[in-house]
Amino acid sequence: MNLNGRRQSTNVDDRRGKGGKIAIGGGIGAVIIAAVMALLNGGNVGDVAQQVISTATSGQTESYTPSAQEEEFAVFAKQILASTEDVWTAEFKKMGRTYKAPTMVLFHGSVQSGCGNATSAVGPFYCSADECLYLDLDFFNEMPKSLGAGGDFAYAYVIAHEVGHHVEHLLGVLDEAHAQMAKQNETNRNKTSVRIELLADYYAGVWGYHENQMFGSLEEGDLQEAIDAAQKIGDDYLQKRARGQVYPESFTHGTSAQRMRWLKKGLQTGDLRGGDTFSPRYESL
């Protein structure tokens, strides 16, 4: 991506190096270990995320000084967040609505969110309770190492996906889905979760389309980076990697094919209205 001269968002709460607790044995790479352990025991990645968020910050307090590379990632993340603000402000205006931008919280090791305590092992996440997205920038270092997916547009996709959840929240989709999930059994809860995640992928694609229309920032290979990242975080891909087979009833984010398909659709159309992941039959997503 060509982001030269682009503005950085000021909707950022930088909590790195503020004496937070560091999870023992932590580091964002733990998300892959946690996922594998959960899958080997018949669980799913979504359950691990919930456990990490709700349990907390065991460990020791450490001072922390960001590396030069991490500072570069911080500038990049602020530029991408600024881009989502520009795109979604324009898209909401088309609907006669006002876009309220989320706050991006940068942290290292662990963080207190409106949804509870979380360690970096949970990966980037969005909390609708405080309308913040949370990001440990070490995740960008670990993507190529642990997932085999990297590149600036892949990293941008990660941020845009979490902002996509914020868009769902502002449109009322996320809260309605969460209300449904509270009444559902585990199987149907997982299916609703998949619909939520695929919609966020679609919105990430819509952002990418308009980002390029506004700024002409995409370069050769950028789209493939994001699509490759979507493929590497599919539930079936992770389960095959962990156990050599898949358990569709435990999917919470969608298959690689589904995630790539909805991301591509958003990237190709840029149409906010084309991302209905709730009306179609689950099997046809």
Protein backbone atom coordinates (compact mmCIF):
# COMPACT_ATOMS: atom_id res chain seq x y z
CA MET A 1 0.00 0.00 0.00
CA ASN A 2 1.14 3.50 -0.74
CA LEU A 3 0.34 5.56 2.36
CA ASN A 4 2.93 8.30 1.86
CA GLY A 5 1.75 11.59 3.31
CA ARG A 6 -1.49 10.14 4.65
CA ARG A 7 -2.94 11.46 7.88
CA GLN A 8 -2.94 9.51 11.12
CA SER A 9 -6.08 9.11 13.19
CA THR A 10 -6.20 10.81 16.57
CA ASN A 11 -8.86 8.38 17.81
CA VAL A 12 -6.14 6.31 19.43
CA ASP A 13 -5.54 5.38 23.06
CA ASP A 14 -1.93 4.22 23.29
CA ARG A 15 -1.58 2.15 26.46
CA ARG A 16 1.74 0.52 25.63
CA GLY A 17 4.45 0.84 28.23
CA LYS A 18 2.11 1.95 30.98
CA GLY A 19 3.03 -0.74 33.45
CA GLY A 20 0.32 -3.20 32.49
CA LYS A 21 0.66 -6.83 33.45
CA ILE A 22 2.31 -9.17 30.99
CA ALA A 23 0.92 -12.67 30.73
CA ILE A 24 3.52 -15.25 31.70
CA GLY A 25 4.60 -17.08 28.58
CA GLY A 26 2.59 -14.52 26.62
CA GLY A 27 3.16 -12.89 23.28
CA ILE A 28 0.63 -12.81 20.50
CA GLY A 29 1.93 -16.09 19.09
CA ALA A 30 0.11 -17.77 21.97
CA VAL A 31 -3.14 -17.39 20.08
CA ILE A 32 -1.99 -20.11 17.68
CA ILE A 33 -0.95 -22.39 20.55
CA ALA A 34 -4.24 -21.74 22.34
CA ALA A 35 -6.20 -22.44 19.18
CA VAL A 36 -4.40 -25.70 18.55
CA MET A 37 -4.87 -26.85 22.15
CA ALA A 38 -8.56 -26.02 22.06
CA LEU A 39 -9.08 -27.84 18.80
CA LEU A 40 -7.16 -30.89 20.00
CA ASN A 41 -9.57 -31.03 22.94
CA GLY A 42 -12.68 -30.66 20.81
CA GLY A 43 -13.19 -26.97 21.44
CA ASN A 44 -13.09 -24.00 19.12
CA VAL A 45 -11.06 -20.86 18.74
CA GLY A 46 -13.98 -18.63 19.73
CA ASP A 47 -14.17 -20.31 23.11
CA VAL A 48 -10.49 -19.63 23.68
CA ALA A 49 -10.98 -15.96 22.87
CA GLN A 50 -13.82 -15.65 25.35
CA GLN A 51 -11.78 -17.38 28.04
CA VAL A 52 -8.79 -15.13 27.52
CA ILE A 53 -10.95 -12.00 27.63
CA SER A 54 -12.90 -13.01 30.70
CA THR A 55 -9.96 -14.32 32.74
CA ALA A 56 -7.37 -11.93 33.05
CA THR A 57 -4.07 -10.59 33.62
CA SER A 58 -2.03 -13.07 35.52
CA GLY A 59 1.64 -12.38 35.32
CA GLN A 60 4.11 -9.75 36.33
CA THR A 61 4.27 -6.02 35.78
CA GLU A 62 6.98 -4.97 33.37
CA SER A 63 8.12 -1.74 31.80
CA TYR A 64 7.97 -1.78 28.05
CA THR A 65 9.71 0.20 25.34
CA PRO A 66 8.37 -0.29 21.78
CA SER A 67 10.87 -1.24 19.10
CA ALA A 68 11.45 0.90 16.02
CA GLN A 69 9.52 -1.62 13.91
CA GLU A 70 6.60 -1.50 16.31
CA GLU A 71 6.55 2.29 16.07
CA GLU A 72 6.34 1.91 12.28
CA PHE A 73 3.41 -0.46 12.76
CA ALA A 74 1.78 2.10 15.08
CA VAL A 75 1.99 4.81 12.40
CA PHE A 76 0.60 2.36 9.85
CA ALA A 77 -2.30 1.35 12.11
CA LYS A 78 -3.19 5.00 12.72
CA GLN A 79 -3.15 5.69 8.97
CA ILE A 80 -5.41 2.71 8.28
CA LEU A 81 -7.79 3.76 11.05
CA ALA A 82 -7.88 7.26 9.55
CA SER A 83 -8.75 5.72 6.19
CA THR A 84 -11.64 3.75 7.71
CA GLU A 85 -12.89 7.01 9.22
CA ASP A 86 -12.84 8.71 5.81
CA VAL A 87 -14.52 5.80 4.03
CA TRP A 88 -17.22 5.06 6.57
CA THR A 89 -18.01 8.74 7.14
CA ALA A 90 -18.73 9.03 3.43
CA GLU A 91 -20.70 5.78 3.28
CA PHE A 92 -22.86 6.66 6.28
CA LYS A 93 -23.50 10.10 4.80
CA LYS A 94 -24.96 8.39 1.72
CA MET A 95 -27.48 6.76 4.06
CA GLY A 96 -28.27 10.07 5.77
CA ARG A 97 -26.48 8.96 8.91
CA THR A 98 -23.48 10.19 10.89
CA TYR A 99 -20.56 7.86 11.41
CA LYS A 100 -19.15 7.72 14.93
CA ALA A 101 -15.57 6.50 14.73
CA PRO A 102 -14.29 3.90 17.19
CA THR A 103 -11.20 4.33 19.34
CA MET A 104 -8.25 2.10 18.64
CA VAL A 105 -6.48 0.97 21.81
CA LEU A 106 -2.86 -0.04 21.34
CA PHE A 107 -1.57 -2.27 24.11
CA HIS A 108 1.18 -4.71 24.91
CA GLY A 109 0.68 -7.95 26.80
CA SER A 110 -2.73 -7.34 28.35
CA VAL A 111 -5.43 -4.74 28.57
CA GLN A 112 -8.63 -3.83 30.39
CA SER A 113 -11.51 -3.44 27.96
CA GLY A 114 -15.20 -2.73 28.34
CA CYS A 115 -15.71 -6.45 27.71
CA GLY A 116 -13.31 -7.50 30.45
CA ASN A 117 -9.59 -8.14 30.80
CA ALA A 118 -7.76 -9.56 27.80
CA THR A 119 -4.27 -10.75 27.00
CA SER A 120 -2.55 -10.40 23.64
CA ALA A 121 -3.22 -14.11 23.06
CA VAL A 122 -6.79 -13.29 22.06
CA GLY A 123 -5.57 -11.34 19.03
CA PRO A 124 -7.13 -8.12 17.77
CA PHE A 125 -10.73 -7.70 18.93
CA TYR A 126 -13.61 -5.24 19.01
CA CYS A 127 -15.70 -4.48 22.08
CA SER A 128 -19.10 -2.91 21.43
CA ALA A 129 -19.52 -2.05 25.13
CA ASP A 130 -16.90 0.72 24.86
CA GLU A 131 -16.82 1.01 21.03
CA CYS A 132 -13.09 0.32 20.95
CA LEU A 133 -10.94 -1.98 18.90
CA TYR A 134 -7.93 -3.45 20.66
CA LEU A 135 -4.62 -4.25 19.01
CA ASP A 136 -1.30 -5.56 20.24
CA LEU A 137 1.02 -4.64 17.38
CA ASP A 138 3.07 -7.78 17.97
CA PHE A 139 0.28 -9.53 16.07
CA PHE A 140 1.65 -8.12 12.82
CA ASN A 141 5.05 -9.66 13.56
CA GLU A 142 3.43 -13.02 14.28
CA MET A 143 1.15 -13.22 11.24
CA PRO A 144 3.90 -14.30 8.82
CA LYS A 145 5.54 -16.56 11.43
CA SER A 146 2.50 -18.34 12.85
CA LEU A 147 -0.06 -18.06 10.06
CA GLY A 148 2.11 -17.73 6.98
CA ALA A 149 0.22 -14.57 6.02
CA GLY A 150 1.77 -11.12 5.90
CA GLY A 151 2.04 -7.88 3.98
CA ASP A 152 0.71 -4.40 4.61
CA PHE A 153 -2.71 -4.94 3.06
CA ALA A 154 -3.11 -8.15 5.08
CA TYR A 155 -2.42 -6.11 8.22
CA ALA A 156 -4.84 -3.44 7.01
CA TYR A 157 -7.49 -6.15 6.53
CA VAL A 158 -7.11 -7.14 10.20
CA ILE A 159 -7.88 -3.58 11.32
CA ALA A 160 -10.64 -3.11 8.75
CA HIS A 161 -12.31 -6.35 9.90
CA GLU A 162 -12.48 -5.10 13.49
CA VAL A 163 -13.81 -1.75 12.30
CA GLY A 164 -16.33 -3.81 10.34
CA HIS A 165 -17.67 -5.09 13.66
CA HIS A 166 -18.02 -1.46 14.76
CA VAL A 167 -20.04 -0.73 11.61
CA GLU A 168 -22.23 -3.74 12.47
CA HIS A 169 -22.70 -2.25 15.94
CA LEU A 170 -23.65 1.19 14.63
CA LEU A 171 -26.15 -0.34 12.21
CA GLY A 172 -27.72 -2.42 15.01
CA VAL A 173 -26.77 -5.74 13.41
CA LEU A 174 -24.23 -6.78 16.01
CA ASP A 175 -26.41 -6.09 19.03
CA GLU A 176 -29.36 -7.91 17.47
CA ALA A 177 -27.16 -10.90 16.68
CA HIS A 178 -25.82 -10.98 20.22
CA ALA A 179 -29.38 -10.92 21.55
CA GLN A 180 -30.21 -13.91 19.34
CA MET A 181 -27.12 -15.78 20.48
CA ALA A 182 -28.15 -15.42 24.13
CA LYS A 183 -31.23 -17.54 23.35
CA GLN A 184 -29.61 -20.13 21.10
CA ASN A 185 -28.01 -23.48 21.74
CA GLU A 186 -24.30 -23.87 21.06
CA THR A 187 -24.67 -25.07 17.47
CA ASN A 188 -26.90 -22.18 16.42
CA ARG A 189 -24.80 -19.72 18.43
CA ASN A 190 -21.78 -20.76 16.42
CA LYS A 191 -23.70 -20.32 13.17
CA THR A 192 -24.75 -16.80 14.17
CA SER A 193 -21.15 -16.05 15.06
CA VAL A 194 -20.07 -17.14 11.58
CA ARG A 195 -22.63 -14.77 10.03
CA ILE A 196 -21.26 -11.90 12.15
CA GLU A 197 -17.67 -12.62 11.15
CA LEU A 198 -18.40 -12.99 7.44
CA LEU A 199 -20.24 -9.67 7.45
CA ALA A 200 -17.20 -8.02 9.05
CA ASP A 201 -15.07 -9.56 6.29
CA TYR A 202 -17.44 -8.10 3.71
CA TYR A 203 -17.28 -4.66 5.30
CA ALA A 204 -13.47 -4.91 5.32
CA GLY A 205 -13.71 -5.50 1.57
CA VAL A 206 -16.06 -2.55 1.12
CA TRP A 207 -13.55 -0.38 2.94
CA GLY A 208 -10.73 -1.64 0.68
CA TYR A 209 -12.73 -0.80 -2.45
CA HIS A 210 -13.41 2.78 -1.37
CA GLU A 211 -9.92 3.25 0.07
CA ASN A 212 -8.53 2.59 -3.39
CA GLN A 213 -11.19 4.73 -5.08
CA MET A 214 -10.40 7.66 -2.79
CA PHE A 215 -6.62 7.42 -2.64
CA GLY A 216 -5.41 4.96 -5.28
CA SER A 217 -3.29 3.34 -2.59
CA LEU A 218 -3.39 -0.31 -3.62
CA GLU A 219 -0.34 -1.76 -5.30
CA GLU A 220 0.32 -5.01 -7.13
CA GLY A 221 -0.10 -7.96 -4.79
CA ASP A 222 -2.05 -6.08 -2.12
CA LEU A 223 -5.40 -7.75 -2.79
CA GLN A 224 -3.81 -11.19 -2.80
CA GLU A 225 -2.22 -10.49 0.60
CA ALA A 226 -5.60 -9.86 2.19
CA ILE A 227 -7.27 -12.81 0.46
CA ASP A 228 -4.40 -15.08 1.51
CA ALA A 229 -4.80 -13.88 5.11
CA ALA A 230 -8.54 -14.63 4.98
CA GLN A 231 -7.75 -18.12 3.75
CA LYS A 232 -5.25 -18.77 6.55
CA ILE A 233 -7.70 -17.83 9.31
CA GLY A 234 -10.61 -19.97 8.13
CA ASP A 235 -11.95 -22.36 10.76
CA ASP A 236 -11.45 -25.38 8.52
CA TYR A 237 -7.86 -24.39 7.72
CA LEU A 238 -6.99 -24.03 11.41
CA GLN A 239 -8.72 -27.29 12.34
CA LYS A 240 -7.00 -29.24 9.58
CA ARG A 241 -3.71 -27.80 10.76
CA ALA A 242 -4.41 -28.82 14.35
CA ARG A 243 -6.12 -32.20 13.97
CA GLY A 244 -6.03 -33.19 10.33
CA GLN A 245 -9.83 -32.97 10.00
CA VAL A 246 -12.64 -30.47 10.44
CA TYR A 247 -15.64 -30.15 12.78
CA PRO A 248 -18.14 -27.85 11.03
CA GLU A 249 -20.46 -27.67 14.05
CA SER A 250 -17.71 -25.87 15.98
CA PHE A 251 -17.01 -23.20 13.33
CA THR A 252 -17.32 -19.66 14.70
CA HIS A 253 -15.69 -17.53 11.99
CA GLY A 254 -16.37 -19.35 8.73
CA THR A 255 -14.39 -21.54 6.37
CA SER A 256 -11.48 -20.26 4.32
CA ALA A 257 -13.67 -20.33 1.21
CA GLN A 258 -16.40 -18.35 2.92
CA ARG A 259 -14.06 -15.74 4.35
CA MET A 260 -12.31 -15.25 1.03
CA ARG A 261 -15.63 -15.11 -0.84
CA TRP A 262 -17.19 -12.40 1.34
CA LEU A 263 -13.99 -10.35 1.47
CA LYS A 264 -13.69 -10.55 -2.32
CA LYS A 265 -17.33 -9.58 -2.77
CA GLY A 266 -16.83 -6.43 -0.73
CA LEU A 267 -13.61 -5.59 -2.55
CA GLN A 268 -15.28 -6.01 -5.94
CA THR A 269 -18.54 -4.17 -5.31
CA GLY A 270 -17.90 -1.60 -2.58
CA ASP A 271 -21.64 -1.76 -1.93
CA LEU A 272 -22.59 -1.54 1.74
CA ARG A 273 -26.01 -3.02 0.95
CA GLY A 274 -24.64 -6.19 -0.64
CA GLY A 275 -23.40 -7.85 2.52
CA ASP A 276 -26.46 -9.61 3.90
CA THR A 277 -25.05 -12.68 5.63
CA PHE A 278 -28.15 -13.23 7.78
CA SER A 279 -30.95 -13.87 5.26
CA PRO A 280 -29.36 -16.65 3.16
CA ARG A 281 -29.51 -20.25 4.29
CA TYR A 282 -26.44 -21.03 6.39
CA GLU A 283 -25.32 -23.70 3.92
CA SER A 284 -25.23 -21.17 1.08
CA LEU A 285 -23.04 -18.54 2.78
